[in-house]
């Protein structure tokens, strides 16, 4: 029940923000600001996202990229927030572009969950050792009783 109320409150706040900005700069100015903030915000997300990918790729084998993974999650969330038209969502997206804000949110998430986050990586990436695999070769015999079997031709059963 709380989520729908929060969503309604958010939508009302966005409408109020649109009305306030529209009163100050007019309708065309408001539309221009929304379009401009979306374009600039998504460009910044793309730029920071590529930097985060480069950092994660530069890690050595066995290093868990917790901060880089968290940064990627925050940047993806910021991209969604910038894509949603609205001034409040743009402010939240802009906050997620600031590295100290992301670190504070990571610490808060760890405190709230009572656990530290780890990222498990698998081998086979660039510079990472390949994971050993085990292949088990074998044959099988169908032990389904004929009365339990579906109505298929009994070509695999021995003739009596």
Protein backbone atom coordinates (compact mmCIF):
# COMPACT_ATOMS: atom_id res chain seq x y z
CA UNK A 1 0.00 0.00 0.00
CA UNK A 2 2.93 2.35 0.64
CA UNK A 3 4.37 2.05 -2.89
CA UNK A 4 1.27 3.39 -4.70
CA UNK A 5 1.10 6.29 -2.25
CA UNK A 6 4.79 7.08 -2.83
CA UNK A 7 4.27 6.92 -6.58
CA UNK A 8 1.30 9.28 -6.39
CA UNK A 9 3.28 11.67 -4.17
CA UNK A 10 6.20 11.58 -6.62
CA UNK A 11 3.92 12.28 -9.60
CA UNK A 12 2.26 15.17 -7.79
CA UNK A 13 5.69 16.60 -6.91
CA UNK A 14 6.78 16.34 -10.57
CA UNK A 15 3.60 18.10 -11.70
CA UNK A 16 4.18 20.84 -9.12
CA UNK A 17 7.78 21.23 -10.33
CA UNK A 18 6.59 21.50 -13.94
CA UNK A 19 4.02 24.12 -12.94
CA UNK A 20 6.60 26.13 -10.95
CA UNK A 21 9.20 26.07 -13.73
CA UNK A 22 6.51 26.78 -16.34
CA UNK A 23 5.43 29.82 -14.36
CA UNK A 24 9.02 31.11 -14.28
CA UNK A 25 10.18 30.41 -17.86
CA UNK A 26 7.02 29.65 -19.83
CA UNK A 27 5.85 26.52 -21.61
CA UNK A 28 8.47 26.49 -24.38
CA UNK A 29 11.25 27.18 -21.87
CA UNK A 30 10.03 24.31 -19.70
CA UNK A 31 9.96 21.89 -22.63
CA UNK A 32 13.42 23.06 -23.73
CA UNK A 33 14.80 22.55 -20.21
CA UNK A 34 13.38 19.02 -20.02
CA UNK A 35 14.81 18.07 -23.41
CA UNK A 36 18.17 19.68 -22.63
CA UNK A 37 18.46 18.01 -19.23
CA UNK A 38 17.65 14.63 -20.78
CA UNK A 39 20.27 15.02 -23.51
CA UNK A 40 23.01 16.33 -21.20
CA UNK A 41 22.19 13.80 -18.48
CA UNK A 42 22.30 10.81 -20.81
CA UNK A 43 25.56 12.08 -22.33
CA UNK A 44 27.11 12.31 -18.85
CA UNK A 45 25.84 8.84 -17.95
CA UNK A 46 27.37 7.43 -21.13
CA UNK A 47 30.69 9.12 -20.46
CA UNK A 48 30.90 7.99 -16.83
CA UNK A 49 29.65 4.52 -17.74
CA UNK A 50 32.47 4.06 -20.24
CA UNK A 51 34.96 5.18 -17.60
CA UNK A 52 33.53 2.64 -15.13
CA UNK A 53 33.84 -0.11 -17.75
CA UNK A 54 37.47 0.81 -18.37
CA UNK A 55 38.21 0.67 -14.64
CA UNK A 56 36.52 -2.72 -14.29
CA UNK A 57 38.41 -4.07 -17.30
CA UNK A 58 41.71 -2.90 -15.79
CA UNK A 59 41.29 -4.96 -12.63
CA UNK A 60 43.48 -8.01 -12.27
CA UNK A 61 42.21 -11.57 -12.00
CA UNK A 62 40.56 -12.40 -8.71
CA UNK A 63 39.83 -8.78 -7.81
CA UNK A 64 36.14 -8.32 -7.06
CA UNK A 65 34.92 -5.05 -8.59
CA UNK A 66 32.32 -4.22 -5.92
CA UNK A 67 32.68 -0.45 -6.27
CA UNK A 68 32.71 -0.65 -10.06
CA UNK A 69 29.62 -2.87 -10.06
CA UNK A 70 27.86 -0.46 -7.70
CA UNK A 71 28.88 2.47 -9.89
CA UNK A 72 27.46 0.67 -12.92
CA UNK A 73 24.17 0.04 -11.13
CA UNK A 74 23.95 3.67 -10.01
CA UNK A 75 24.80 4.94 -13.49
CA UNK A 76 22.17 2.69 -15.08
CA UNK A 77 19.64 4.01 -12.58
CA UNK A 78 20.73 7.58 -13.38
CA UNK A 79 20.18 6.86 -17.08
CA UNK A 80 16.63 5.72 -16.40
CA UNK A 81 16.00 8.77 -14.23
CA UNK A 82 17.27 11.11 -16.96
CA UNK A 83 15.13 9.34 -19.57
CA UNK A 84 11.99 9.94 -17.48
CA UNK A 85 10.77 13.48 -18.17
CA UNK A 86 10.77 15.55 -15.01
CA UNK A 87 12.88 17.86 -12.92
CA UNK A 88 12.89 15.81 -9.72
CA UNK A 89 13.98 12.67 -11.54
CA UNK A 90 16.73 14.70 -13.27
CA UNK A 91 17.97 15.97 -9.90
CA UNK A 92 18.06 12.42 -8.54
CA UNK A 93 19.90 11.25 -11.67
CA UNK A 94 22.40 14.11 -11.34
CA UNK A 95 23.03 13.15 -7.72
CA UNK A 96 23.89 9.60 -8.82
CA UNK A 97 26.55 11.02 -11.15
CA UNK A 98 28.54 12.31 -8.17
CA UNK A 99 31.02 9.63 -6.95
CA UNK A 100 30.88 10.61 -3.22
CA UNK A 101 27.09 10.29 -3.33
CA UNK A 102 27.41 6.79 -4.83
CA UNK A 103 29.94 5.79 -2.12
CA UNK A 104 27.63 7.09 0.60
CA UNK A 105 24.71 5.14 -0.89
CA UNK A 106 26.85 1.98 -1.04
CA UNK A 107 27.78 2.37 2.63
CA UNK A 108 24.15 3.00 3.54
CA UNK A 109 22.98 -0.05 1.58
CA UNK A 110 25.57 -2.19 3.34
CA UNK A 111 24.51 -0.87 6.76
CA UNK A 112 20.82 -1.41 6.05
CA UNK A 113 21.33 -4.93 4.76
CA UNK A 114 23.74 -5.88 7.53
CA UNK A 115 26.10 -7.45 5.02
CA UNK A 116 28.93 -6.44 2.78
CA UNK A 117 28.47 -6.84 -0.92
CA UNK A 118 30.73 -9.02 -2.99
CA UNK A 119 30.86 -9.59 -6.69
CA UNK A 120 31.82 -13.03 -7.85
CA UNK A 121 33.65 -13.23 -11.12
CA UNK A 122 34.16 -16.20 -13.37
CA UNK A 123 37.26 -16.98 -15.34
CA UNK A 124 37.61 -16.72 -19.06
CA UNK A 125 37.66 -12.93 -19.29
CA UNK A 126 40.53 -10.89 -20.61
CA UNK A 127 43.58 -11.74 -18.54
CA UNK A 128 41.64 -14.02 -16.21
CA UNK A 129 42.54 -17.68 -15.94
CA UNK A 130 40.05 -20.07 -17.49
CA UNK A 131 37.92 -22.03 -15.06
CA UNK A 132 38.54 -25.75 -14.95
CA UNK A 133 35.54 -27.69 -16.21
CA UNK A 134 34.53 -31.26 -15.63
CA UNK A 135 32.89 -33.22 -18.40
CA UNK A 136 31.16 -36.47 -17.49
CA UNK A 137 30.49 -38.78 -20.40
CA UNK A 138 27.88 -41.49 -19.96
CA UNK A 139 25.02 -43.48 -21.39
CA UNK A 140 21.52 -43.82 -20.08
CA UNK A 141 18.81 -46.42 -20.15
CA UNK A 142 15.13 -45.54 -20.18
CA UNK A 143 13.54 -47.36 -17.24
CA UNK A 144 10.02 -46.03 -17.72
CA UNK A 145 7.44 -48.76 -17.34
CA UNK A 146 5.40 -49.22 -20.52
CA UNK A 147 2.10 -48.56 -18.71
CA UNK A 148 3.44 -45.22 -17.37
CA UNK A 149 4.94 -44.18 -20.67
CA UNK A 150 3.14 -41.81 -23.02
CA UNK A 151 1.45 -43.22 -26.11
CA UNK A 152 4.53 -43.48 -28.29
CA UNK A 153 5.61 -46.34 -30.49
CA UNK A 154 7.53 -48.94 -28.46
CA UNK A 155 10.50 -49.09 -30.81
CA UNK A 156 13.03 -48.86 -27.98
CA UNK A 157 11.62 -51.78 -25.95
CA UNK A 158 12.96 -55.29 -26.51
CA UNK A 159 10.61 -57.74 -28.27
CA UNK A 160 9.44 -60.68 -26.17
